[in-house]
Structures are given as C-alpha cells and as structure tokens.
Amino acid sequence: MAAIVATVGPTMAGVTSPNSSISFSGHLWPSLHPAVQVRHDKTIRFGERQSRSCTTCGLLSSIKAVENSSDEVIAQEMEEAEEENLNVSQIKQHLFAALQGINRGIFGVPSAKKSEIQKLVELLESQNPTPQPTLCLDKVAGAWKLIYSTISILGSKRTKLGLRDFINLGDFIQIINVAQGKAVNVIEFSAKGLTLLSGQLTIDASFRIASNSRVDINYQKSVITPDQLMNVFRKNYDVLLEIFNPDGWLEITYVDDSLRIGRDDKGNIFILESKNLLTCNHWFIHILLVFDVVIHYLTGTS
C-alpha cells in the first residue's frame, strides 16, 4: 500500500515542522500522536456510550409502547366481554339513560355521547329477536315515537326554520299501516307569538318489501296544518322537506314489542319506541265498546 502522510500540529507558510509529519502504512490510528490518539479514543468511547444510550432509550420506549398497547387491548377486551354479558333489558336501560337530555339528537350530540349510543345500538342489533322483520310485519305495525335520530338540524337550517327561539319541536310519531303498505310521519310544532300556535307536518309515504330486513320507501305527499303554521314555514318549506323526506330504503336492524331501530340509505340511525298501548284485539274490543255506547246514546237505551 502506498505511504500516507498525516500532518499534525501547526504549520507555517513554506515551513513544516520536522516532527509535524508522520509517514506510515496501513491503519491511521496506531501512528497518531499519543495525545491525538487519547482524544480520539475518548471520542470513540463517548460515541459508543451515546449510541448505546440512544439505542437503550429507543428500546425502552418501544417496550413501553407495546405494554401500553397491550393494556389498551386488554381493557378493550374486558369491556367487550362485559358488554357481551349484558342482556337486552340491561342494554335498553343503558340506552335510555344515554338518551336523556339530548332532545332526540335533533340539534346535535357531542361525539363521545354519539359513540356511546352507537355502541349500545350495535349491542342491541347483535341480539335482535326478529332477524327477518319483513316476514312478520305485525311487529312493525302501529304507532311509534321517535326517541333518537342521527338526523340533525344545525346552523343556518335551524335559524331559517325558526327553531332557535320562535318554534319548538314536539313529538315525532310514525304510524305504519301494513295492510296498505303506508307510513305516515307526523312532526309536531308549536310557535310562540301572541298566542301559542300548535300544528304538525304530516308526511305520507308508501313502502314495499325489498328483502327480509329492508323496505323501500317512496314519498307521496306532505302538508302542514293549520294554515297559520304553514304560513310560518312556507318560505323554507323545501328546507323542512329536505330534512324529513323519507325517500330511500330503510333497514330494520332491531324490533321487539317495545323498541325498533332502523338504518337508512343515508347512514342515519333511528330509534323508536312503541306507542301501541293496546294490541290489535284490544283495539277491536275497545272500538266495539265505544260503538255500543254511541248506539245506546242515540237510541236512548241503557
């Protein structure tokens, strides 16, 4: 190998110290000045310690991250196991508690609350006692009251409709007539003024079975009564219909005697509570009794 010359120490222009150059072959380190060698060795050892320290820190951080991740997974698994042990009645209790104070979600829900409700909905759906609801539509028939929906009226829409101060939203009722394939949605309103004005938006729709759990829904007509309330909404009636138009499909994901859950083609969730206080047989008997009383009243018999 050719000789290599390393210059150590100060040099002046045109002058080189006799001891300032060291010629050697092979490795550089053995031929360095002792002082330089010591400093270099210290630098190497310091770098090794620094590298080892960084490597150790990185390793410890990785281990800690894995441990934290494992803790999260274990906590999540325990939570899921606990949820799986809840029966339908217990899940409903948690759901009703979660729905308190949010006004059916119509004016928005905090994300944490929305996630909580979503999780409880999924738990109920996983225990659906009626997995093929369109094959037994008698469970769906009758009157239902909306208690939660992911449809929300926010920002300028809420302002345009006067739903901040002037107009209050009442109950949302859905009446399903299975024999006719009809659904009527009734949204109640009350307007503040010199006198309290109450009325409703009524939307008629038809439906047909699309699968064992899905129905296709077609909007037919709508009307607001009385006329005074219609005058309040007339300018923004299209905004109102855009929010409540039922056109599309609805998947019935849970239904029992008291609760129904559905998901539509727009990604919305609906939770409704049955208002059928009387069974069909009881309604028939009730109508006969009323009819009998009317007949007796008109004929003057007792």
C-alpha atoms as a PDB file:
ATOM      1  CA  MET A   1       0.000   0.000   0.000  1.00  0.00           C
ATOM      2  CA  ALA A   2       1.287   3.486  -0.814  1.00  0.00           C
ATOM      3  CA  ALA A   3       2.573   5.565   2.070  1.00  0.00           C
ATOM      4  CA  ILE A   4       0.106   8.028   3.618  1.00  0.00           C
ATOM      5  CA  VAL A   5       1.277  11.287   5.228  1.00  0.00           C
ATOM      6  CA  ALA A   6      -0.704  12.789   8.145  1.00  0.00           C
ATOM      7  CA  THR A   7       0.121  16.324   9.223  1.00  0.00           C
ATOM      8  CA  VAL A   8      -0.209  17.037  12.938  1.00  0.00           C
ATOM      9  CA  GLY A   9       0.480  20.322  14.694  1.00  0.00           C
ATOM     10  CA  PRO A  10       0.830  23.882  13.423  1.00  0.00           C
ATOM     11  CA  THR A  11       2.397  24.716  10.090  1.00  0.00           C
ATOM     12  CA  MET A  12       3.623  27.978   8.644  1.00  0.00           C
ATOM     13  CA  ALA A  13       3.683  29.057   5.065  1.00  0.00           C
ATOM     14  CA  GLY A  14       6.535  27.199   3.379  1.00  0.00           C
ATOM     15  CA  VAL A  15       7.738  25.696   6.663  1.00  0.00           C
ATOM     16  CA  THR A  16       6.972  22.275   8.051  1.00  0.00           C
ATOM     17  CA  SER A  17       7.990  21.156  11.491  1.00  0.00           C
ATOM     18  CA  PRO A  18      10.294  18.155  11.408  1.00  0.00           C
ATOM     19  CA  ASN A  19       8.001  16.321  13.772  1.00  0.00           C
ATOM     20  CA  SER A  20       4.793  17.576  12.255  1.00  0.00           C
ATOM     21  CA  SER A  21       4.504  14.844   9.622  1.00  0.00           C
ATOM     22  CA  ILE A  22       4.269  11.142  10.239  1.00  0.00           C
ATOM     23  CA  SER A  23       4.563   8.699   7.408  1.00  0.00           C
ATOM     24  CA  PHE A  24       3.025   5.274   7.868  1.00  0.00           C
ATOM     25  CA  SER A  25       1.483   2.421   6.016  1.00  0.00           C
ATOM     26  CA  GLY A  26      -1.717   0.632   6.978  1.00  0.00           C
ATOM     27  CA  HIS A  27      -4.052   1.906   9.693  1.00  0.00           C
ATOM     28  CA  LEU A  28      -4.030   5.517  10.729  1.00  0.00           C
ATOM     29  CA  TRP A  29      -4.769   5.156  14.469  1.00  0.00           C
ATOM     30  CA  PRO A  30      -1.538   3.469  15.726  1.00  0.00           C
ATOM     31  CA  SER A  31       0.622   6.156  14.141  1.00  0.00           C
ATOM     32  CA  LEU A  32      -1.198   9.180  15.525  1.00  0.00           C
ATOM     33  CA  HIS A  33       0.397  11.374  18.136  1.00  0.00           C
ATOM     34  CA  PRO A  34      -0.400   9.929  21.609  1.00  0.00           C
ATOM     35  CA  ALA A  35      -2.369  12.998  22.660  1.00  0.00           C
ATOM     36  CA  VAL A  36      -4.407  12.848  19.489  1.00  0.00           C
ATOM     37  CA  GLN A  37      -4.878   9.100  19.952  1.00  0.00           C
ATOM     38  CA  VAL A  38      -6.199   9.597  23.506  1.00  0.00           C
ATOM     39  CA  ARG A  39      -8.618  12.278  22.411  1.00  0.00           C
ATOM     40  CA  HIS A  40      -9.788  10.148  19.528  1.00  0.00           C
ATOM     41  CA  ASP A  41     -10.234   7.085  21.763  1.00  0.00           C
ATOM     42  CA  LYS A  42     -12.256   9.148  24.207  1.00  0.00           C
ATOM     43  CA  THR A  43     -14.378  10.404  21.341  1.00  0.00           C
ATOM     44  CA  ILE A  44     -14.971   6.874  20.114  1.00  0.00           C
ATOM     45  CA  ARG A  45     -15.856   5.618  23.583  1.00  0.00           C
ATOM     46  CA  PHE A  46     -18.181   8.604  24.171  1.00  0.00           C
ATOM     47  CA  GLY A  47     -19.878   7.995  20.838  1.00  0.00           C
ATOM     48  CA  GLU A  48     -20.293   4.333  21.688  1.00  0.00           C
ATOM     49  CA  ARG A  49     -21.867   5.210  25.035  1.00  0.00           C
ATOM     50  CA  GLN A  50     -24.129   7.797  23.366  1.00  0.00           C
ATOM     51  CA  SER A  51     -25.168   5.334  20.685  1.00  0.00           C
ATOM     52  CA  ARG A  52     -25.810   2.620  23.238  1.00  0.00           C
ATOM     53  CA  SER A  53     -27.770   5.106  25.376  1.00  0.00           C
ATOM     54  CA  CYS A  54     -29.952   6.136  22.423  1.00  0.00           C
ATOM     55  CA  THR A  55     -30.481   2.517  21.469  1.00  0.00           C
ATOM     56  CA  THR A  56     -31.465   1.675  25.045  1.00  0.00           C
ATOM     57  CA  CYS A  57     -33.878   4.636  25.226  1.00  0.00           C
ATOM     58  CA  GLY A  58     -35.439   3.594  21.947  1.00  0.00           C
ATOM     59  CA  LEU A  59     -35.765   0.013  23.116  1.00  0.00           C
ATOM     60  CA  LEU A  60     -37.330   1.081  26.422  1.00  0.00           C
ATOM     61  CA  SER A  61     -39.738   3.387  24.583  1.00  0.00           C
ATOM     62  CA  SER A  62     -40.710   0.565  22.253  1.00  0.00           C
ATOM     63  CA  ILE A  63     -41.264  -1.807  25.176  1.00  0.00           C
ATOM     64  CA  LYS A  64     -43.311   0.829  26.989  1.00  0.00           C
ATOM     65  CA  ALA A  65     -45.408   1.470  23.860  1.00  0.00           C
ATOM     66  CA  VAL A  66     -46.053  -2.256  23.476  1.00  0.00           C
ATOM     67  CA  GLU A  67     -47.016  -2.509  27.151  1.00  0.00           C
ATOM     68  CA  ASN A  68     -49.403   0.456  26.826  1.00  0.00           C
ATOM     69  CA  SER A  69     -50.864  -1.001  23.660  1.00  0.00           C
ATOM     70  CA  SER A  70     -51.315  -4.350  25.391  1.00  0.00           C
ATOM     71  CA  ASP A  71     -53.021  -2.639  28.332  1.00  0.00           C
ATOM     72  CA  GLU A  72     -55.408  -0.878  25.963  1.00  0.00           C
ATOM     73  CA  VAL A  73     -56.188  -4.116  24.141  1.00  0.00           C
ATOM     74  CA  ILE A  74     -56.788  -5.949  27.431  1.00  0.00           C
ATOM     75  CA  ALA A  75     -59.024  -3.127  28.708  1.00  0.00           C
ATOM     76  CA  GLN A  76     -60.963  -3.131  25.454  1.00  0.00           C
ATOM     77  CA  GLU A  77     -61.370  -6.913  25.539  1.00  0.00           C
ATOM     78  CA  MET A  78     -62.575  -6.763  29.146  1.00  0.00           C
ATOM     79  CA  GLU A  79     -65.035  -4.016  28.227  1.00  0.00           C
ATOM     80  CA  GLU A  80     -66.301  -6.037  25.271  1.00  0.00           C
ATOM     81  CA  ALA A  81     -66.655  -9.146  27.433  1.00  0.00           C
ATOM     82  CA  GLU A  82     -68.590  -7.124  29.995  1.00  0.00           C
ATOM     83  CA  GLU A  83     -70.865  -5.724  27.284  1.00  0.00           C
ATOM     84  CA  GLU A  84     -71.451  -9.168  25.830  1.00  0.00           C
ATOM     85  CA  ASN A  85     -72.740 -10.317  29.205  1.00  0.00           C
ATOM     86  CA  LEU A  86     -75.463  -7.635  29.245  1.00  0.00           C
ATOM     87  CA  ASN A  87     -78.936  -8.843  28.395  1.00  0.00           C
ATOM     88  CA  VAL A  88     -81.392  -6.883  26.233  1.00  0.00           C
ATOM     89  CA  SER A  89     -83.169  -5.339  29.202  1.00  0.00           C
ATOM     90  CA  GLN A  90     -79.877  -4.057  30.665  1.00  0.00           C
ATOM     91  CA  ILE A  91     -78.727  -2.671  27.316  1.00  0.00           C
ATOM     92  CA  LYS A  92     -82.024  -0.829  26.962  1.00  0.00           C
ATOM     93  CA  GLN A  93     -81.617   0.681  30.410  1.00  0.00           C
ATOM     94  CA  HIS A  94     -78.155   1.971  29.452  1.00  0.00           C
ATOM     95  CA  LEU A  95     -79.516   3.258  26.136  1.00  0.00           C
ATOM     96  CA  PHE A  96     -82.433   5.152  27.702  1.00  0.00           C
ATOM     97  CA  ALA A  97     -80.038   6.680  30.222  1.00  0.00           C
ATOM     98  CA  ALA A  98     -77.702   7.772  27.413  1.00  0.00           C
ATOM     99  CA  LEU A  99     -80.614   9.418  25.558  1.00  0.00           C
ATOM    100  CA  GLN A 100     -81.562  11.629  28.467  1.00  0.00           C
ATOM    101  CA  GLY A 101     -81.232  15.366  27.897  1.00  0.00           C
ATOM    102  CA  ILE A 102     -80.261  15.336  24.193  1.00  0.00           C
ATOM    103  CA  ASN A 103     -83.691  16.143  22.677  1.00  0.00           C
ATOM    104  CA  ARG A 104     -83.636  13.104  20.377  1.00  0.00           C
ATOM    105  CA  GLY A 105     -80.307  14.283  18.952  1.00  0.00           C
ATOM    106  CA  ILE A 106     -82.092  16.663  16.585  1.00  0.00           C
ATOM    107  CA  PHE A 107     -79.861  19.629  17.442  1.00  0.00           C
ATOM    108  CA  GLY A 108     -76.618  17.683  17.561  1.00  0.00           C
ATOM    109  CA  VAL A 109     -74.880  15.396  20.042  1.00  0.00           C
ATOM    110  CA  PRO A 110     -71.312  15.504  21.424  1.00  0.00           C
ATOM    111  CA  SER A 111     -69.096  12.935  19.688  1.00  0.00           C
ATOM    112  CA  ALA A 112     -68.452  10.950  22.900  1.00  0.00           C
ATOM    113  CA  LYS A 113     -72.198  10.675  23.575  1.00  0.00           C
ATOM    114  CA  LYS A 114     -72.848   9.734  19.958  1.00  0.00           C
ATOM    115  CA  SER A 115     -70.243   6.952  20.167  1.00  0.00           C
ATOM    116  CA  GLU A 116     -71.788   5.663  23.395  1.00  0.00           C
ATOM    117  CA  ILE A 117     -75.234   5.494  21.794  1.00  0.00           C
ATOM    118  CA  GLN A 118     -73.790   3.875  18.668  1.00  0.00           C
ATOM    119  CA  LYS A 119     -72.150   1.138  20.742  1.00  0.00           C
ATOM    120  CA  LEU A 120     -75.378   0.405  22.632  1.00  0.00           C
ATOM    121  CA  VAL A 121     -77.331   0.325  19.368  1.00  0.00           C
ATOM    122  CA  GLU A 122     -74.876  -2.207  17.947  1.00  0.00           C
ATOM    123  CA  LEU A 123     -75.222  -4.345  21.089  1.00  0.00           C
ATOM    124  CA  LEU A 124     -78.997  -4.402  20.680  1.00  0.00           C
ATOM    125  CA  GLU A 125     -78.701  -5.165  16.976  1.00  0.00           C
ATOM    126  CA  SER A 126     -76.472  -8.129  17.802  1.00  0.00           C
ATOM    127  CA  GLN A 127     -79.290  -9.536  19.941  1.00  0.00           C
ATOM    128  CA  ASN A 128     -82.160  -8.762  17.566  1.00  0.00           C
ATOM    129  CA  PRO A 129     -85.048 -11.141  18.396  1.00  0.00           C
ATOM    130  CA  THR A 130     -86.548 -10.522  14.953  1.00  0.00           C
ATOM    131  CA  PRO A 131     -83.773 -11.046  12.379  1.00  0.00           C
ATOM    132  CA  GLN A 132     -86.263 -11.152   9.465  1.00  0.00           C
ATOM    133  CA  PRO A 133     -88.718  -8.386  10.363  1.00  0.00           C
ATOM    134  CA  THR A 134     -90.371  -8.022   6.972  1.00  0.00           C
ATOM    135  CA  LEU A 135     -91.582 -11.620   7.269  1.00  0.00           C
ATOM    136  CA  CYS A 136     -93.577 -10.654  10.365  1.00  0.00           C
ATOM    137  CA  LEU A 137     -94.575  -7.031   9.795  1.00  0.00           C
ATOM    138  CA  ASP A 138     -97.205  -7.230  12.526  1.00  0.00           C
ATOM    139  CA  LYS A 139     -94.307  -6.383  14.874  1.00  0.00           C
ATOM    140  CA  VAL A 140     -93.708  -3.170  12.915  1.00  0.00           C
ATOM    141  CA  ALA A 141     -97.334  -2.142  12.510  1.00  0.00           C
ATOM    142  CA  GLY A 142     -98.916   0.602  14.590  1.00  0.00           C
ATOM    143  CA  ALA A 143     -97.721   3.832  16.150  1.00  0.00           C
ATOM    144  CA  TRP A 144     -94.098   4.585  17.060  1.00  0.00           C
ATOM    145  CA  LYS A 145     -92.481   7.580  18.731  1.00  0.00           C
ATOM    146  CA  LEU A 146     -89.010   8.716  17.701  1.00  0.00           C
ATOM    147  CA  ILE A 147     -86.643   8.940  20.676  1.00  0.00           C
ATOM    148  CA  TYR A 148     -83.334   9.334  18.827  1.00  0.00           C
ATOM    149  CA  SER A 149     -82.042  10.043  15.349  1.00  0.00           C
ATOM    150  CA  THR A 150     -78.698  10.986  13.847  1.00  0.00           C
ATOM    151  CA  ILE A 151     -80.542  13.441  11.580  1.00  0.00           C
ATOM    152  CA  SER A 152     -79.724  16.868  12.932  1.00  0.00           C
ATOM    153  CA  ILE A 153     -80.869  20.434  12.266  1.00  0.00           C
ATOM    154  CA  LEU A 154     -77.891  22.720  12.749  1.00  0.00           C
ATOM    155  CA  GLY A 155     -76.542  26.126  11.755  1.00  0.00           C
ATOM    156  CA  SER A 156     -78.377  28.104   9.101  1.00  0.00           C
ATOM    157  CA  LYS A 157     -81.088  25.452   8.676  1.00  0.00           C
ATOM    158  CA  ARG A 158     -82.064  25.762  12.315  1.00  0.00           C
ATOM    159  CA  THR A 159     -82.102  29.546  12.026  1.00  0.00           C
ATOM    160  CA  LYS A 160     -84.163  29.567   8.815  1.00  0.00           C
ATOM    161  CA  LEU A 161     -86.775  27.285  10.374  1.00  0.00           C
ATOM    162  CA  GLY A 162     -87.026  29.461  13.483  1.00  0.00           C
ATOM    163  CA  LEU A 163     -86.072  26.529  15.704  1.00  0.00           C
ATOM    164  CA  ARG A 164     -83.789  28.533  17.980  1.00  0.00           C
ATOM    165  CA  ASP A 165     -86.334  30.662  19.820  1.00  0.00           C
ATOM    166  CA  PHE A 166     -89.584  31.039  17.918  1.00  0.00           C
ATOM    167  CA  ILE A 167     -90.660  27.457  17.142  1.00  0.00           C
ATOM    168  CA  ASN A 168     -90.482  24.368  19.352  1.00  0.00           C
ATOM    169  CA  LEU A 169     -90.373  20.797  18.115  1.00  0.00           C
ATOM    170  CA  GLY A 170     -92.885  18.407  19.618  1.00  0.00           C
ATOM    171  CA  ASP A 171     -93.173  14.636  19.226  1.00  0.00           C
ATOM    172  CA  PHE A 172     -92.193  12.694  16.119  1.00  0.00           C
ATOM    173  CA  ILE A 173     -94.808   9.985  15.553  1.00  0.00           C
ATOM    174  CA  GLN A 174     -94.785   7.320  12.849  1.00  0.00           C
ATOM    175  CA  ILE A 175     -97.906   5.298  12.055  1.00  0.00           C
ATOM    176  CA  ILE A 176     -97.446   2.191   9.920  1.00  0.00           C
ATOM    177  CA  ASN A 177    -100.349   0.530   8.117  1.00  0.00           C
ATOM    178  CA  VAL A 178     -99.038  -2.841   6.990  1.00  0.00           C
ATOM    179  CA  ALA A 179    -102.174  -3.863   5.096  1.00  0.00           C
ATOM    180  CA  GLN A 180    -101.992  -0.788   2.861  1.00  0.00           C
ATOM    181  CA  GLY A 181     -98.205  -0.541   2.739  1.00  0.00           C
ATOM    182  CA  LYS A 182     -98.404   3.018   4.063  1.00  0.00           C
ATOM    183  CA  ALA A 183     -96.404   5.000   6.585  1.00  0.00           C
ATOM    184  CA  VAL A 184     -97.401   8.381   7.987  1.00  0.00           C
ATOM    185  CA  ASN A 185     -94.842  10.558   9.750  1.00  0.00           C
ATOM    186  CA  VAL A 186     -96.185  13.301  11.997  1.00  0.00           C
ATOM    187  CA  ILE A 187     -93.860  16.027  13.318  1.00  0.00           C
ATOM    188  CA  GLU A 188     -95.495  18.299  15.861  1.00  0.00           C
ATOM    189  CA  PHE A 189     -94.637  22.003  16.199  1.00  0.00           C
ATOM    190  CA  SER A 190     -95.638  24.873  18.410  1.00  0.00           C
ATOM    191  CA  ALA A 191     -94.957  28.503  17.550  1.00  0.00           C
ATOM    192  CA  LYS A 192     -94.658  31.287  20.083  1.00  0.00           C
ATOM    193  CA  GLY A 193     -96.447  34.566  19.488  1.00  0.00           C
ATOM    194  CA  LEU A 194     -99.352  36.490  20.884  1.00  0.00           C
ATOM    195  CA  THR A 195    -100.944  33.079  21.324  1.00  0.00           C
ATOM    196  CA  LEU A 196     -99.309  29.660  21.229  1.00  0.00           C
ATOM    197  CA  LEU A 197     -99.867  28.156  17.791  1.00  0.00           C
ATOM    198  CA  SER A 198     -99.707  24.372  17.562  1.00  0.00           C
ATOM    199  CA  GLY A 199     -99.759  22.199  14.482  1.00  0.00           C
ATOM    200  CA  GLN A 200     -97.962  19.466  12.601  1.00  0.00           C
ATOM    201  CA  LEU A 201     -96.188  18.428   9.447  1.00  0.00           C
ATOM    202  CA  THR A 202     -97.698  15.226   8.066  1.00  0.00           C
ATOM    203  CA  ILE A 203     -95.755  13.209   5.506  1.00  0.00           C
ATOM    204  CA  ASP A 204     -97.377  10.287   3.694  1.00  0.00           C
ATOM    205  CA  ALA A 205     -95.213   7.578   2.174  1.00  0.00           C
ATOM    206  CA  SER A 206     -95.627   4.112   0.746  1.00  0.00           C
ATOM    207  CA  PHE A 207     -93.327   1.176   1.311  1.00  0.00           C
ATOM    208  CA  ARG A 208     -92.667  -2.216  -0.205  1.00  0.00           C
ATOM    209  CA  ILE A 209     -90.586  -5.138   0.980  1.00  0.00           C
ATOM    210  CA  ALA A 210     -87.129  -5.248  -0.602  1.00  0.00           C
ATOM    211  CA  SER A 211     -85.587  -8.057   1.487  1.00  0.00           C
ATOM    212  CA  ASN A 212     -86.095  -9.951   4.737  1.00  0.00           C
ATOM    213  CA  SER A 213     -84.984  -6.880   6.678  1.00  0.00           C
ATOM    214  CA  ARG A 214     -85.287  -3.953   4.270  1.00  0.00           C
ATOM    215  CA  VAL A 215     -88.120  -1.858   2.852  1.00  0.00           C
ATOM    216  CA  ASP A 216     -88.069   0.678   0.028  1.00  0.00           C
ATOM    217  CA  ILE A 217     -89.857   3.921   0.898  1.00  0.00           C
ATOM    218  CA  ASN A 218     -91.408   6.408  -1.529  1.00  0.00           C
ATOM    219  CA  TYR A 219     -92.536   9.901  -0.574  1.00  0.00           C
ATOM    220  CA  GLN A 220     -96.113  10.673  -1.655  1.00  0.00           C
ATOM    221  CA  LYS A 221     -97.311  13.952  -0.177  1.00  0.00           C
ATOM    222  CA  SER A 222     -96.998  16.304   2.769  1.00  0.00           C
ATOM    223  CA  VAL A 223     -98.994  19.051   4.411  1.00  0.00           C
ATOM    224  CA  ILE A 224     -98.659  21.426   7.356  1.00  0.00           C
ATOM    225  CA  THR A 225    -101.750  22.175   9.407  1.00  0.00           C
ATOM    226  CA  PRO A 226    -103.235  24.572  10.362  1.00  0.00           C
ATOM    227  CA  ASP A 227    -102.740  27.161   7.611  1.00  0.00           C
ATOM    228  CA  GLN A 228    -101.317  29.689  10.077  1.00  0.00           C
ATOM    229  CA  LEU A 229     -98.412  27.315  10.783  1.00  0.00           C
ATOM    230  CA  MET A 230     -97.981  26.665   7.072  1.00  0.00           C
ATOM    231  CA  ASN A 231     -97.569  30.410   6.591  1.00  0.00           C
ATOM    232  CA  VAL A 232     -94.727  30.353   9.128  1.00  0.00           C
ATOM    233  CA  PHE A 233     -92.861  27.629   7.211  1.00  0.00           C
ATOM    234  CA  ARG A 234     -93.902  28.484   3.646  1.00  0.00           C
ATOM    235  CA  LYS A 235     -90.717  30.373   2.735  1.00  0.00           C
ATOM    236  CA  ASN A 236     -88.461  27.498   3.908  1.00  0.00           C
ATOM    237  CA  TYR A 237     -90.791  24.571   3.270  1.00  0.00           C
ATOM    238  CA  ASP A 238     -88.264  22.955   0.924  1.00  0.00           C
ATOM    239  CA  VAL A 239     -85.664  23.034   3.739  1.00  0.00           C
ATOM    240  CA  LEU A 240     -88.130  21.286   6.049  1.00  0.00           C
ATOM    241  CA  LEU A 241     -88.895  18.567   3.483  1.00  0.00           C
ATOM    242  CA  GLU A 242     -85.211  18.080   2.724  1.00  0.00           C
ATOM    243  CA  ILE A 243     -84.678  17.154   6.386  1.00  0.00           C
ATOM    244  CA  PHE A 244     -87.690  14.887   6.864  1.00  0.00           C
ATOM    245  CA  ASN A 245     -88.179  13.405   3.375  1.00  0.00           C
ATOM    246  CA  PRO A 246     -88.294   9.606   3.882  1.00  0.00           C
ATOM    247  CA  ASP A 247     -87.428   8.644   0.277  1.00  0.00           C
ATOM    248  CA  GLY A 248     -84.930   5.776   0.051  1.00  0.00           C
ATOM    249  CA  TRP A 249     -84.609   2.450   1.839  1.00  0.00           C
ATOM    250  CA  LEU A 250     -84.731   1.508   5.499  1.00  0.00           C
ATOM    251  CA  GLU A 251     -83.045  -1.485   7.096  1.00  0.00           C
ATOM    252  CA  ILE A 252     -84.891  -2.687  10.208  1.00  0.00           C
ATOM    253  CA  THR A 253     -81.987  -3.792  12.375  1.00  0.00           C
ATOM    254  CA  TYR A 254     -83.859  -4.408  15.624  1.00  0.00           C
ATOM    255  CA  VAL A 255     -87.502  -4.770  16.586  1.00  0.00           C
ATOM    256  CA  ASP A 256     -89.379  -6.194  19.538  1.00  0.00           C
ATOM    257  CA  ASP A 257     -92.676  -5.336  21.209  1.00  0.00           C
ATOM    258  CA  SER A 258     -91.467  -2.008  22.565  1.00  0.00           C
ATOM    259  CA  LEU A 259     -88.451  -0.811  20.551  1.00  0.00           C
ATOM    260  CA  ARG A 260     -87.436  -0.510  16.917  1.00  0.00           C
ATOM    261  CA  ILE A 261     -84.118   0.503  15.358  1.00  0.00           C
ATOM    262  CA  GLY A 262     -83.560   1.310  11.706  1.00  0.00           C
ATOM    263  CA  ARG A 263     -80.747   2.489   9.424  1.00  0.00           C
ATOM    264  CA  ASP A 264     -81.412   4.271   6.143  1.00  0.00           C
ATOM    265  CA  ASP A 265     -79.523   4.632   2.862  1.00  0.00           C
ATOM    266  CA  LYS A 266     -78.097   7.978   4.016  1.00  0.00           C
ATOM    267  CA  GLY A 267     -76.344   6.403   7.017  1.00  0.00           C
ATOM    268  CA  ASN A 268     -78.820   7.677   9.605  1.00  0.00           C
ATOM    269  CA  ILE A 269     -79.927   5.731  12.673  1.00  0.00           C
ATOM    270  CA  PHE A 270     -83.470   5.890  14.048  1.00  0.00           C
ATOM    271  CA  ILE A 271     -84.626   4.606  17.431  1.00  0.00           C
ATOM    272  CA  LEU A 272     -88.364   4.467  18.018  1.00  0.00           C
ATOM    273  CA  GLU A 273     -90.457   3.472  20.993  1.00  0.00           C
ATOM    274  CA  SER A 274     -93.768   1.699  20.511  1.00  0.00           C
ATOM    275  CA  LYS A 275     -96.898   3.686  21.312  1.00  0.00           C
ATOM    276  CA  ASN A 276     -99.159   0.688  20.800  1.00  0.00           C
ATOM    277  CA  LEU A 277    -100.573   0.617  24.298  1.00  0.00           C
ATOM    278  CA  LEU A 278    -103.282  -1.748  23.118  1.00  0.00           C
ATOM    279  CA  THR A 279    -102.923  -4.877  20.992  1.00  0.00           C
ATOM    280  CA  CYS A 280    -104.984  -5.262  17.828  1.00  0.00           C
ATOM    281  CA  ASN A 281    -107.502  -7.448  19.650  1.00  0.00           C
ATOM    282  CA  HIS A 282    -107.795  -4.927  22.441  1.00  0.00           C
ATOM    283  CA  TRP A 283    -108.307  -2.126  19.912  1.00  0.00           C
ATOM    284  CA  PHE A 284    -111.116  -4.105  18.270  1.00  0.00           C
ATOM    285  CA  ILE A 285    -112.824  -4.673  21.618  1.00  0.00           C
ATOM    286  CA  HIS A 286    -112.315  -1.003  22.536  1.00  0.00           C
ATOM    287  CA  ILE A 287    -113.944   0.141  19.253  1.00  0.00           C
ATOM    288  CA  LEU A 288    -116.885  -2.207  19.790  1.00  0.00           C
ATOM    289  CA  LEU A 289    -117.422  -0.822  23.293  1.00  0.00           C
ATOM    290  CA  VAL A 290    -117.352   2.772  22.026  1.00  0.00           C
ATOM    291  CA  PHE A 291    -119.694   1.895  19.195  1.00  0.00           C
ATOM    292  CA  ASP A 292    -122.073   0.223  21.666  1.00  0.00           C
ATOM    293  CA  VAL A 293    -122.084   3.321  23.904  1.00  0.00           C
ATOM    294  CA  VAL A 294    -122.836   5.585  20.908  1.00  0.00           C
ATOM    295  CA  ILE A 295    -125.702   3.363  19.773  1.00  0.00           C
ATOM    296  CA  HIS A 296    -127.190   3.346  23.241  1.00  0.00           C
ATOM    297  CA  TYR A 297    -126.846   7.130  23.459  1.00  0.00           C
ATOM    298  CA  LEU A 298    -128.542   7.693  20.081  1.00  0.00           C
ATOM    299  CA  THR A 299    -131.416   5.266  20.774  1.00  0.00           C
ATOM    300  CA  GLY A 300    -131.860   6.455  24.337  1.00  0.00           C
ATOM    301  CA  THR A 301    -131.472   2.944  25.761  1.00  0.00           C
ATOM    302  CA  SER A 302    -129.308   1.987  28.703  1.00  0.00           C
END
